[in-house]
Amino acid sequence: MPAKLILGTEIREQILEEITKEVAEIKGKHGVVPGLVTILVGANPASISYVTLKIQTAHRVGFKEMMPGKPINESNPDLKSLPVDISEADLLATIDNYNKDDSVNGILVQLPLPKHIDEKKVLNAIDPDKDVDGFHPVNVGRLMIGGSEVKFAPCTPAGIQEMIVRAGVETSGAEVVVVGRSNIVGKPIANMMLQKGPGANSTVTIVHTRTKDMASHCKRADILIVAAGVPDLVKPEWIKPGACVIDVGVNRVGEKVSEKTGKKIAILKGDVNFDAAKEIAGYITPVPGGVGPMTITMLMKNTLKSLKFKLGIA
């Protein structure tokens, strides 16, 4: 029997509805809504596309969305950016102003930044209690400690865990194998899955480019999370029958013409051979439509959580 699909597009809708309802309740009781600031420097097309979706999602759930700078185009006046030649000092000053603004609960800086700006310095300038991306060293430390210390888990790993839980996959005592050791996905999701608590309590192994016999590790995984950025890296024979397979990879492998628009669109592949894997796994995420839609969704959830911390109702 083919694997059950874990669709990020469907889970996203469930979570956004939950957030919208909670925002309305908080507004009615406390008279405030979450405030989210997105800082965009320049006009990178990929960044514009991603930030536009963030703005739309924030408005949908009832957030106050703010962007410093000047509008990029007339069709979307809410989309603003700072000049590409802004100095590092001015960008840091902008962040500091939002750190001090009580109406702001979440601050995120869209990457990449221009080469003359130190990305690490900029990200570390964000108040950890407003770091809804979860990348500040303080929040990384909180995540490592676990339990009540955690404020914001990085959005993609948080989305992965949410998908596993909502699919009804048992995690307690499960063998979890994470393929990839990035700071954005691999390391944090491994740490999250081994913590005490719901959706975790797993035994976790991380494999990477220097691992000997990666296949043997993958074969024993009850839950296989693949975030390596290599198309079709995981072969079907590496998958344990009935396992839950979470494919985080989004790899552009070519172009095709869209039947709907007639325009060229990217052909995307995951890190797992999906067509073969779905005949072996018990659960699997597709690419696209799997993990991808969860990242912005969990960003919204983190921003709401930030406001709840401030109000003392988290």
C-alpha atoms as a PDB file:
ATOM      1  CA  MET A   1       0.000   0.000   0.000  1.00  0.00           C
ATOM      2  CA  PRO A   2       1.428   3.432  -0.917  1.00  0.00           C
ATOM      3  CA  ALA A   3       2.536   5.683   1.929  1.00  0.00           C
ATOM      4  CA  LYS A   4       0.196   8.197   3.483  1.00  0.00           C
ATOM      5  CA  LEU A   5       1.109  11.674   2.287  1.00  0.00           C
ATOM      6  CA  ILE A   6       1.908  14.275   4.942  1.00  0.00           C
ATOM      7  CA  LEU A   7       0.884  17.462   3.179  1.00  0.00           C
ATOM      8  CA  GLY A   8       2.287  20.716   4.472  1.00  0.00           C
ATOM      9  CA  THR A   9      -0.303  22.590   2.426  1.00  0.00           C
ATOM     10  CA  GLU A  10      -3.117  21.011   4.475  1.00  0.00           C
ATOM     11  CA  ILE A  11      -1.425  21.269   7.871  1.00  0.00           C
ATOM     12  CA  ARG A  12      -0.561  24.906   7.139  1.00  0.00           C
ATOM     13  CA  GLU A  13      -4.265  25.698   6.717  1.00  0.00           C
ATOM     14  CA  GLN A  14      -5.123  24.020  10.020  1.00  0.00           C
ATOM     15  CA  ILE A  15      -2.471  25.963  11.923  1.00  0.00           C
ATOM     16  CA  LEU A  16      -3.228  29.322  10.295  1.00  0.00           C
ATOM     17  CA  GLU A  17      -6.896  28.926  11.219  1.00  0.00           C
ATOM     18  CA  GLU A  18      -5.875  28.201  14.811  1.00  0.00           C
ATOM     19  CA  ILE A  19      -3.601  31.263  14.872  1.00  0.00           C
ATOM     20  CA  THR A  20      -6.286  33.526  13.383  1.00  0.00           C
ATOM     21  CA  LYS A  21      -8.766  32.450  16.041  1.00  0.00           C
ATOM     22  CA  GLU A  22      -6.284  32.979  18.873  1.00  0.00           C
ATOM     23  CA  VAL A  23      -5.231  36.411  17.567  1.00  0.00           C
ATOM     24  CA  ALA A  24      -8.876  37.500  17.517  1.00  0.00           C
ATOM     25  CA  GLU A  25      -9.358  36.275  21.086  1.00  0.00           C
ATOM     26  CA  ILE A  26      -6.248  38.123  22.330  1.00  0.00           C
ATOM     27  CA  LYS A  27      -7.310  41.293  20.523  1.00  0.00           C
ATOM     28  CA  GLY A  28     -10.735  41.115  22.141  1.00  0.00           C
ATOM     29  CA  LYS A  29      -9.361  40.497  25.627  1.00  0.00           C
ATOM     30  CA  HIS A  30      -6.130  42.519  25.635  1.00  0.00           C
ATOM     31  CA  GLY A  31      -6.600  45.018  22.796  1.00  0.00           C
ATOM     32  CA  VAL A  32      -3.368  44.088  21.002  1.00  0.00           C
ATOM     33  CA  VAL A  33      -2.274  41.947  18.064  1.00  0.00           C
ATOM     34  CA  PRO A  34       1.152  40.484  17.242  1.00  0.00           C
ATOM     35  CA  GLY A  35       3.517  42.901  15.527  1.00  0.00           C
ATOM     36  CA  LEU A  36       5.952  41.460  12.992  1.00  0.00           C
ATOM     37  CA  VAL A  37       8.779  43.418  11.347  1.00  0.00           C
ATOM     38  CA  THR A  38      10.440  42.135   8.185  1.00  0.00           C
ATOM     39  CA  ILE A  39      13.636  43.917   7.158  1.00  0.00           C
ATOM     40  CA  LEU A  40      14.482  43.606   3.473  1.00  0.00           C
ATOM     41  CA  VAL A  41      17.631  45.190   2.078  1.00  0.00           C
ATOM     42  CA  GLY A  42      17.677  45.708  -1.685  1.00  0.00           C
ATOM     43  CA  ALA A  43      15.423  43.949  -4.176  1.00  0.00           C
ATOM     44  CA  ASN A  44      16.597  40.378  -4.636  1.00  0.00           C
ATOM     45  CA  PRO A  45      13.790  38.698  -6.675  1.00  0.00           C
ATOM     46  CA  ALA A  46      13.786  35.496  -4.606  1.00  0.00           C
ATOM     47  CA  SER A  47      13.683  37.508  -1.386  1.00  0.00           C
ATOM     48  CA  ILE A  48      10.844  39.672  -2.692  1.00  0.00           C
ATOM     49  CA  SER A  49       8.790  36.583  -3.533  1.00  0.00           C
ATOM     50  CA  TYR A  50       9.354  35.061  -0.105  1.00  0.00           C
ATOM     51  CA  VAL A  51       8.740  38.288   1.814  1.00  0.00           C
ATOM     52  CA  THR A  52       5.544  38.960  -0.150  1.00  0.00           C
ATOM     53  CA  LEU A  53       4.189  35.609   1.011  1.00  0.00           C
ATOM     54  CA  LYS A  54       5.152  36.466   4.596  1.00  0.00           C
ATOM     55  CA  ILE A  55       3.258  39.759   4.369  1.00  0.00           C
ATOM     56  CA  GLN A  56       0.167  38.084   2.927  1.00  0.00           C
ATOM     57  CA  THR A  57       0.207  35.419   5.612  1.00  0.00           C
ATOM     58  CA  ALA A  58       0.695  37.930   8.433  1.00  0.00           C
ATOM     59  CA  HIS A  59      -2.258  39.986   7.211  1.00  0.00           C
ATOM     60  CA  ARG A  60      -4.377  36.872   6.844  1.00  0.00           C
ATOM     61  CA  VAL A  61      -3.964  35.876  10.499  1.00  0.00           C
ATOM     62  CA  GLY A  62      -4.518  39.422  11.794  1.00  0.00           C
ATOM     63  CA  PHE A  63      -0.969  40.522  12.569  1.00  0.00           C
ATOM     64  CA  LYS A  64       0.375  44.036  12.312  1.00  0.00           C
ATOM     65  CA  GLU A  65       3.053  43.692   9.617  1.00  0.00           C
ATOM     66  CA  MET A  66       5.734  46.378   9.382  1.00  0.00           C
ATOM     67  CA  MET A  67       8.559  46.941   6.901  1.00  0.00           C
ATOM     68  CA  PRO A  68      11.048  49.810   7.028  1.00  0.00           C
ATOM     69  CA  GLY A  69      12.094  51.582   3.842  1.00  0.00           C
ATOM     70  CA  LYS A  70      10.387  52.675   0.637  1.00  0.00           C
ATOM     71  CA  PRO A  71       7.753  50.754  -1.364  1.00  0.00           C
ATOM     72  CA  ILE A  72       9.266  48.590  -4.098  1.00  0.00           C
ATOM     73  CA  ASN A  73       6.310  48.872  -6.463  1.00  0.00           C
ATOM     74  CA  GLU A  74       2.866  50.466  -6.664  1.00  0.00           C
ATOM     75  CA  SER A  75       0.985  47.183  -6.866  1.00  0.00           C
ATOM     76  CA  ASN A  76       2.104  46.179  -3.374  1.00  0.00           C
ATOM     77  CA  PRO A  77       2.661  49.295  -1.243  1.00  0.00           C
ATOM     78  CA  ASP A  78       3.155  47.179   1.903  1.00  0.00           C
ATOM     79  CA  LEU A  79       6.305  45.658   0.404  1.00  0.00           C
ATOM     80  CA  LYS A  80       9.187  47.968   1.322  1.00  0.00           C
ATOM     81  CA  SER A  81      12.951  47.676   1.328  1.00  0.00           C
ATOM     82  CA  LEU A  82      15.944  49.527   2.642  1.00  0.00           C
ATOM     83  CA  PRO A  83      18.525  50.744   0.093  1.00  0.00           C
ATOM     84  CA  VAL A  84      21.031  48.123  -0.995  1.00  0.00           C
ATOM     85  CA  ASP A  85      23.884  50.471  -0.062  1.00  0.00           C
ATOM     86  CA  ILE A  86      22.668  51.051   3.500  1.00  0.00           C
ATOM     87  CA  SER A  87      25.559  51.062   5.952  1.00  0.00           C
ATOM     88  CA  GLU A  88      25.942  48.300   8.484  1.00  0.00           C
ATOM     89  CA  ALA A  89      25.687  50.886  11.270  1.00  0.00           C
ATOM     90  CA  ASP A  90      22.367  52.207   9.940  1.00  0.00           C
ATOM     91  CA  LEU A  91      20.952  48.695   9.606  1.00  0.00           C
ATOM     92  CA  LEU A  92      21.981  47.876  13.174  1.00  0.00           C
ATOM     93  CA  ALA A  93      20.378  51.123  14.352  1.00  0.00           C
ATOM     94  CA  THR A  94      17.134  50.146  12.583  1.00  0.00           C
ATOM     95  CA  ILE A  95      17.112  46.814  14.375  1.00  0.00           C
ATOM     96  CA  ASP A  96      17.808  48.501  17.703  1.00  0.00           C
ATOM     97  CA  ASN A  97      14.802  50.785  17.233  1.00  0.00           C
ATOM     98  CA  TYR A  98      12.540  47.772  16.750  1.00  0.00           C
ATOM     99  CA  ASN A  99      14.127  45.997  19.721  1.00  0.00           C
ATOM    100  CA  LYS A 100      12.913  48.932  21.847  1.00  0.00           C
ATOM    101  CA  ASP A 101       9.443  49.145  20.248  1.00  0.00           C
ATOM    102  CA  ASP A 102       6.832  47.498  22.508  1.00  0.00           C
ATOM    103  CA  SER A 103       4.428  47.017  19.591  1.00  0.00           C
ATOM    104  CA  VAL A 104       6.928  44.726  17.871  1.00  0.00           C
ATOM    105  CA  ASN A 105       6.937  41.062  18.918  1.00  0.00           C
ATOM    106  CA  GLY A 106       8.958  39.574  16.099  1.00  0.00           C
ATOM    107  CA  ILE A 107      11.888  40.831  14.023  1.00  0.00           C
ATOM    108  CA  LEU A 108      13.343  39.016  11.069  1.00  0.00           C
ATOM    109  CA  VAL A 109      15.996  40.064   8.610  1.00  0.00           C
ATOM    110  CA  GLN A 110      15.648  38.590   5.139  1.00  0.00           C
ATOM    111  CA  LEU A 111      18.826  36.982   3.867  1.00  0.00           C
ATOM    112  CA  PRO A 112      21.042  37.276   1.917  1.00  0.00           C
ATOM    113  CA  LEU A 113      22.341  40.705   2.840  1.00  0.00           C
ATOM    114  CA  PRO A 114      24.718  42.772   0.682  1.00  0.00           C
ATOM    115  CA  LYS A 115      28.358  41.708   0.937  1.00  0.00           C
ATOM    116  CA  HIS A 116      29.438  44.822   2.826  1.00  0.00           C
ATOM    117  CA  ILE A 117      27.223  43.835   5.780  1.00  0.00           C
ATOM    118  CA  ASP A 118      28.186  41.186   8.345  1.00  0.00           C
ATOM    119  CA  GLU A 119      25.144  38.866   8.470  1.00  0.00           C
ATOM    120  CA  LYS A 120      26.209  37.296  11.752  1.00  0.00           C
ATOM    121  CA  LYS A 121      26.526  40.677  13.452  1.00  0.00           C
ATOM    122  CA  VAL A 122      23.112  41.738  12.166  1.00  0.00           C
ATOM    123  CA  LEU A 123      21.292  38.572  13.250  1.00  0.00           C
ATOM    124  CA  ASN A 124      22.938  38.670  16.673  1.00  0.00           C
ATOM    125  CA  ALA A 125      21.735  42.264  17.110  1.00  0.00           C
ATOM    126  CA  ILE A 126      18.105  41.132  17.264  1.00  0.00           C
ATOM    127  CA  ASP A 127      16.649  40.914  20.774  1.00  0.00           C
ATOM    128  CA  PRO A 128      16.510  37.145  21.489  1.00  0.00           C
ATOM    129  CA  ASP A 129      12.973  37.593  22.820  1.00  0.00           C
ATOM    130  CA  LYS A 130      11.943  38.936  19.389  1.00  0.00           C
ATOM    131  CA  ASP A 131      14.044  36.501  17.349  1.00  0.00           C
ATOM    132  CA  VAL A 132      11.111  34.577  15.861  1.00  0.00           C
ATOM    133  CA  ASP A 133      13.405  32.874  13.339  1.00  0.00           C
ATOM    134  CA  GLY A 134      15.079  31.173  16.309  1.00  0.00           C
ATOM    135  CA  PHE A 135      18.658  31.650  15.068  1.00  0.00           C
ATOM    136  CA  HIS A 136      20.105  33.887  17.790  1.00  0.00           C
ATOM    137  CA  PRO A 137      22.767  32.075  19.875  1.00  0.00           C
ATOM    138  CA  VAL A 138      20.650  32.638  22.981  1.00  0.00           C
ATOM    139  CA  ASN A 139      17.714  30.823  21.406  1.00  0.00           C
ATOM    140  CA  VAL A 140      19.989  28.065  20.131  1.00  0.00           C
ATOM    141  CA  GLY A 141      21.146  27.621  23.725  1.00  0.00           C
ATOM    142  CA  ARG A 142      17.590  27.621  25.010  1.00  0.00           C
ATOM    143  CA  LEU A 143      16.711  24.940  22.479  1.00  0.00           C
ATOM    144  CA  MET A 144      19.632  22.808  23.619  1.00  0.00           C
ATOM    145  CA  ILE A 145      18.515  23.027  27.267  1.00  0.00           C
ATOM    146  CA  GLY A 146      14.952  22.217  26.273  1.00  0.00           C
ATOM    147  CA  GLY A 147      11.771  22.235  28.328  1.00  0.00           C
ATOM    148  CA  SER A 148      10.470  25.560  29.595  1.00  0.00           C
ATOM    149  CA  GLU A 149      13.684  27.307  28.530  1.00  0.00           C
ATOM    150  CA  VAL A 150      12.686  27.103  24.847  1.00  0.00           C
ATOM    151  CA  LYS A 151      11.101  30.223  23.405  1.00  0.00           C
ATOM    152  CA  PHE A 152      11.428  29.912  19.646  1.00  0.00           C
ATOM    153  CA  ALA A 153      12.444  26.815  17.730  1.00  0.00           C
ATOM    154  CA  PRO A 154      13.751  27.501  14.214  1.00  0.00           C
ATOM    155  CA  CYS A 155      10.788  27.552  11.870  1.00  0.00           C
ATOM    156  CA  THR A 156      11.585  24.719   9.460  1.00  0.00           C
ATOM    157  CA  PRO A 157      12.482  22.199  12.202  1.00  0.00           C
ATOM    158  CA  ALA A 158       9.417  23.294  14.172  1.00  0.00           C
ATOM    159  CA  GLY A 159       7.316  22.666  11.078  1.00  0.00           C
ATOM    160  CA  ILE A 160       8.829  19.207  10.643  1.00  0.00           C
ATOM    161  CA  GLN A 161       8.011  18.228  14.205  1.00  0.00           C
ATOM    162  CA  GLU A 162       4.490  19.609  13.841  1.00  0.00           C
ATOM    163  CA  MET A 163       3.933  17.530  10.700  1.00  0.00           C
ATOM    164  CA  ILE A 164       5.125  14.344  12.383  1.00  0.00           C
ATOM    165  CA  VAL A 165       2.863  14.917  15.378  1.00  0.00           C
ATOM    166  CA  ARG A 166      -0.220  15.859  13.377  1.00  0.00           C
ATOM    167  CA  ALA A 167       0.241  12.831  11.125  1.00  0.00           C
ATOM    168  CA  GLY A 168      -0.081  10.671  14.235  1.00  0.00           C
ATOM    169  CA  VAL A 169       3.415   9.184  13.996  1.00  0.00           C
ATOM    170  CA  GLU A 170       4.715   7.810  17.304  1.00  0.00           C
ATOM    171  CA  THR A 171       7.950   9.505  18.330  1.00  0.00           C
ATOM    172  CA  SER A 172       8.526   8.201  21.852  1.00  0.00           C
ATOM    173  CA  GLY A 173      11.283   5.593  21.674  1.00  0.00           C
ATOM    174  CA  ALA A 174      11.445   5.861  17.883  1.00  0.00           C
ATOM    175  CA  GLU A 175      14.717   5.612  15.990  1.00  0.00           C
ATOM    176  CA  VAL A 176      15.163   8.961  14.231  1.00  0.00           C
ATOM    177  CA  VAL A 177      17.874   9.413  11.630  1.00  0.00           C
ATOM    178  CA  VAL A 178      18.630  12.930  10.400  1.00  0.00           C
ATOM    179  CA  VAL A 179      20.541  13.232   7.130  1.00  0.00           C
ATOM    180  CA  GLY A 180      22.355  16.572   7.208  1.00  0.00           C
ATOM    181  CA  ARG A 181      23.979  18.652   9.946  1.00  0.00           C
ATOM    182  CA  SER A 182      23.132  22.242   9.034  1.00  0.00           C
ATOM    183  CA  ASN A 183      22.466  24.856  11.695  1.00  0.00           C
ATOM    184  CA  ILE A 184      19.150  25.652  10.020  1.00  0.00           C
ATOM    185  CA  VAL A 185      17.601  22.172   9.913  1.00  0.00           C
ATOM    186  CA  GLY A 186      19.774  19.168  10.764  1.00  0.00           C
ATOM    187  CA  LYS A 187      21.189  20.110  14.153  1.00  0.00           C
ATOM    188  CA  PRO A 188      18.046  21.753  15.585  1.00  0.00           C
ATOM    189  CA  ILE A 189      15.589  19.033  14.522  1.00  0.00           C
ATOM    190  CA  ALA A 190      17.911  16.365  15.937  1.00  0.00           C
ATOM    191  CA  ASN A 191      18.019  18.217  19.250  1.00  0.00           C
ATOM    192  CA  MET A 192      14.252  18.749  19.273  1.00  0.00           C
ATOM    193  CA  MET A 193      13.474  15.088  18.645  1.00  0.00           C
ATOM    194  CA  LEU A 194      15.619  13.858  21.543  1.00  0.00           C
ATOM    195  CA  GLN A 195      14.167  16.215  24.154  1.00  0.00           C
ATOM    196  CA  LYS A 196      11.751  15.045  26.813  1.00  0.00           C
ATOM    197  CA  GLY A 197       8.164  15.821  25.901  1.00  0.00           C
ATOM    198  CA  PRO A 198       5.410  15.255  23.346  1.00  0.00           C
ATOM    199  CA  GLY A 199       6.514  14.822  19.753  1.00  0.00           C
ATOM    200  CA  ALA A 200       9.993  13.856  20.916  1.00  0.00           C
ATOM    201  CA  ASN A 201      11.592  11.339  23.325  1.00  0.00           C
ATOM    202  CA  SER A 202      13.312   9.736  20.350  1.00  0.00           C
ATOM    203  CA  THR A 203      16.698   8.108  19.892  1.00  0.00           C
ATOM    204  CA  VAL A 204      18.486  10.281  17.344  1.00  0.00           C
ATOM    205  CA  THR A 205      21.362   9.691  14.933  1.00  0.00           C
ATOM    206  CA  ILE A 206      22.804  12.382  12.636  1.00  0.00           C
ATOM    207  CA  VAL A 207      24.533  11.278   9.432  1.00  0.00           C
ATOM    208  CA  HIS A 208      26.443  13.488   7.013  1.00  0.00           C
ATOM    209  CA  THR A 209      28.968  13.541   4.176  1.00  0.00           C
ATOM    210  CA  ARG A 210      31.689  11.903   6.288  1.00  0.00           C
ATOM    211  CA  THR A 211      29.465   9.127   7.657  1.00  0.00           C
ATOM    212  CA  LYS A 212      30.586   5.620   6.776  1.00  0.00           C
ATOM    213  CA  ASP A 213      27.814   3.483   5.265  1.00  0.00           C
ATOM    214  CA  MET A 214      25.036   6.064   5.462  1.00  0.00           C
ATOM    215  CA  ALA A 215      22.589   3.516   4.056  1.00  0.00           C
ATOM    216  CA  SER A 216      22.861   1.220   7.080  1.00  0.00           C
ATOM    217  CA  HIS A 217      21.877   4.039   9.427  1.00  0.00           C
ATOM    218  CA  CYS A 218      18.935   5.094   7.281  1.00  0.00           C
ATOM    219  CA  LYS A 219      17.638   1.521   7.041  1.00  0.00           C
ATOM    220  CA  ARG A 220      16.943   1.327  10.774  1.00  0.00           C
ATOM    221  CA  ALA A 221      15.097   4.654  10.992  1.00  0.00           C
ATOM    222  CA  ASP A 222      11.475   4.672  12.115  1.00  0.00           C
ATOM    223  CA  ILE A 223      11.532   8.370  11.229  1.00  0.00           C
ATOM    224  CA  LEU A 224      13.924   9.498   8.492  1.00  0.00           C
ATOM    225  CA  ILE A 225      14.448  13.257   8.128  1.00  0.00           C
ATOM    226  CA  VAL A 226      16.477  14.164   5.050  1.00  0.00           C
ATOM    227  CA  ALA A 227      17.924  17.668   4.710  1.00  0.00           C
ATOM    228  CA  ALA A 228      21.068  17.275   2.637  1.00  0.00           C
ATOM    229  CA  GLY A 229      20.323  19.322  -0.492  1.00  0.00           C
ATOM    230  CA  VAL A 230      21.220  16.473  -2.856  1.00  0.00           C
ATOM    231  CA  PRO A 231      18.565  15.306  -5.354  1.00  0.00           C
ATOM    232  CA  ASP A 232      17.509  11.666  -4.888  1.00  0.00           C
ATOM    233  CA  LEU A 233      20.270  11.064  -2.333  1.00  0.00           C
ATOM    234  CA  VAL A 234      18.199   8.565  -0.363  1.00  0.00           C
ATOM    235  CA  LYS A 235      17.508   5.438  -2.359  1.00  0.00           C
ATOM    236  CA  PRO A 236      14.378   3.339  -1.816  1.00  0.00           C
ATOM    237  CA  GLU A 237      16.433   0.417  -0.501  1.00  0.00           C
ATOM    238  CA  TRP A 238      17.646   2.690   2.319  1.00  0.00           C
ATOM    239  CA  ILE A 239      14.112   3.036   3.717  1.00  0.00           C
ATOM    240  CA  LYS A 240      12.685   0.788   6.423  1.00  0.00           C
ATOM    241  CA  PRO A 241       9.237  -0.535   5.427  1.00  0.00           C
ATOM    242  CA  GLY A 242       6.556   1.549   7.120  1.00  0.00           C
ATOM    243  CA  ALA A 243       8.928   4.362   8.139  1.00  0.00           C
ATOM    244  CA  CYS A 244       7.970   8.026   8.227  1.00  0.00           C
ATOM    245  CA  VAL A 245      10.059   9.911   5.653  1.00  0.00           C
ATOM    246  CA  ILE A 246      10.352  13.707   5.890  1.00  0.00           C
ATOM    247  CA  ASP A 247      12.028  15.161   2.798  1.00  0.00           C
ATOM    248  CA  VAL A 248      13.287  18.702   3.407  1.00  0.00           C
ATOM    249  CA  GLY A 249      15.226  18.960   0.147  1.00  0.00           C
ATOM    250  CA  VAL A 250      14.118  21.433  -2.522  1.00  0.00           C
ATOM    251  CA  ASN A 251      16.469  21.019  -5.458  1.00  0.00           C
ATOM    252  CA  ARG A 252      16.063  22.762  -8.814  1.00  0.00           C
ATOM    253  CA  VAL A 253      16.843  20.197 -11.504  1.00  0.00           C
ATOM    254  CA  GLY A 254      15.557  21.994 -14.595  1.00  0.00           C
ATOM    255  CA  GLU A 255      12.665  23.994 -16.050  1.00  0.00           C
ATOM    256  CA  LYS A 256       9.336  23.294 -17.693  1.00  0.00           C
ATOM    257  CA  VAL A 257       6.485  25.330 -19.143  1.00  0.00           C
ATOM    258  CA  SER A 258       3.457  25.688 -16.878  1.00  0.00           C
ATOM    259  CA  GLU A 259       0.237  24.413 -18.453  1.00  0.00           C
ATOM    260  CA  LYS A 260      -1.712  27.092 -16.580  1.00  0.00           C
ATOM    261  CA  THR A 261       0.383  30.197 -17.264  1.00  0.00           C
ATOM    262  CA  GLY A 262       2.555  29.219 -20.210  1.00  0.00           C
ATOM    263  CA  LYS A 263       5.580  30.524 -18.291  1.00  0.00           C
ATOM    264  CA  LYS A 264       8.728  28.655 -17.401  1.00  0.00           C
ATOM    265  CA  ILE A 265       8.776  27.226 -13.903  1.00  0.00           C
ATOM    266  CA  ALA A 266      11.412  25.294 -11.985  1.00  0.00           C
ATOM    267  CA  ILE A 267      11.336  21.522 -11.795  1.00  0.00           C
ATOM    268  CA  LEU A 268      11.867  20.606  -8.148  1.00  0.00           C
ATOM    269  CA  LYS A 269      13.111  17.374  -6.643  1.00  0.00           C
ATOM    270  CA  GLY A 270      13.592  16.324  -3.074  1.00  0.00           C
ATOM    271  CA  ASP A 271      16.488  14.509  -1.440  1.00  0.00           C
ATOM    272  CA  VAL A 272      14.474  11.274  -1.578  1.00  0.00           C
ATOM    273  CA  ASN A 273      13.451   9.278  -4.645  1.00  0.00           C
ATOM    274  CA  PHE A 274       9.772   9.968  -3.989  1.00  0.00           C
ATOM    275  CA  ASP A 275       8.107   7.700  -6.568  1.00  0.00           C
ATOM    276  CA  ALA A 276       9.973   4.641  -5.319  1.00  0.00           C
ATOM    277  CA  ALA A 277       9.997   5.600  -1.634  1.00  0.00           C
ATOM    278  CA  LYS A 278       6.236   6.057  -1.386  1.00  0.00           C
ATOM    279  CA  GLU A 279       5.783   2.348  -2.149  1.00  0.00           C
ATOM    280  CA  ILE A 280       7.886   1.419   0.910  1.00  0.00           C
ATOM    281  CA  ALA A 281       7.355   4.124   3.534  1.00  0.00           C
ATOM    282  CA  GLY A 282       4.334   4.361   5.802  1.00  0.00           C
ATOM    283  CA  TYR A 283       4.281   8.169   5.677  1.00  0.00           C
ATOM    284  CA  ILE A 284       6.073  10.561   3.341  1.00  0.00           C
ATOM    285  CA  THR A 285       6.196  14.259   2.469  1.00  0.00           C
ATOM    286  CA  PRO A 286       6.117  15.303  -1.198  1.00  0.00           C
ATOM    287  CA  VAL A 287       8.280  17.954  -2.851  1.00  0.00           C
ATOM    288  CA  PRO A 288       6.845  20.491  -3.392  1.00  0.00           C
ATOM    289  CA  GLY A 289       3.871  20.708  -1.009  1.00  0.00           C
ATOM    290  CA  GLY A 290       5.497  19.019   1.982  1.00  0.00           C
ATOM    291  CA  VAL A 291       7.805  20.776   4.419  1.00  0.00           C
ATOM    292  CA  GLY A 292       8.064  24.024   2.414  1.00  0.00           C
ATOM    293  CA  PRO A 293       4.685  25.566   3.353  1.00  0.00           C
ATOM    294  CA  MET A 294       5.385  25.006   7.051  1.00  0.00           C
ATOM    295  CA  THR A 295       8.259  27.481   7.442  1.00  0.00           C
ATOM    296  CA  ILE A 296       6.270  30.716   7.196  1.00  0.00           C
ATOM    297  CA  THR A 297       3.435  29.078   9.126  1.00  0.00           C
ATOM    298  CA  MET A 298       5.704  28.403  12.099  1.00  0.00           C
ATOM    299  CA  LEU A 299       7.107  31.931  11.823  1.00  0.00           C
ATOM    300  CA  MET A 300       3.566  33.162  12.446  1.00  0.00           C
ATOM    301  CA  LYS A 301       3.209  30.761  15.362  1.00  0.00           C
ATOM    302  CA  ASN A 302       6.477  31.990  16.906  1.00  0.00           C
ATOM    303  CA  THR A 303       5.387  35.621  16.561  1.00  0.00           C
ATOM    304  CA  LEU A 304       2.097  34.883  18.303  1.00  0.00           C
ATOM    305  CA  LYS A 305       4.028  33.042  20.999  1.00  0.00           C
ATOM    306  CA  SER A 306       6.238  36.105  21.499  1.00  0.00           C
ATOM    307  CA  LEU A 307       3.200  38.279  22.205  1.00  0.00           C
ATOM    308  CA  LYS A 308       1.834  35.644  24.586  1.00  0.00           C
ATOM    309  CA  PHE A 309       5.129  35.620  26.487  1.00  0.00           C
ATOM    310  CA  LYS A 310       4.906  39.396  26.806  1.00  0.00           C
ATOM    311  CA  LEU A 311       1.326  39.196  28.077  1.00  0.00           C
ATOM    312  CA  GLY A 312       2.184  36.372  30.477  1.00  0.00           C
ATOM    313  CA  ILE A 313      -0.267  33.928  28.902  1.00  0.00           C
ATOM    314  CA  ALA A 314       2.128  31.582  27.063  1.00  0.00           C
END
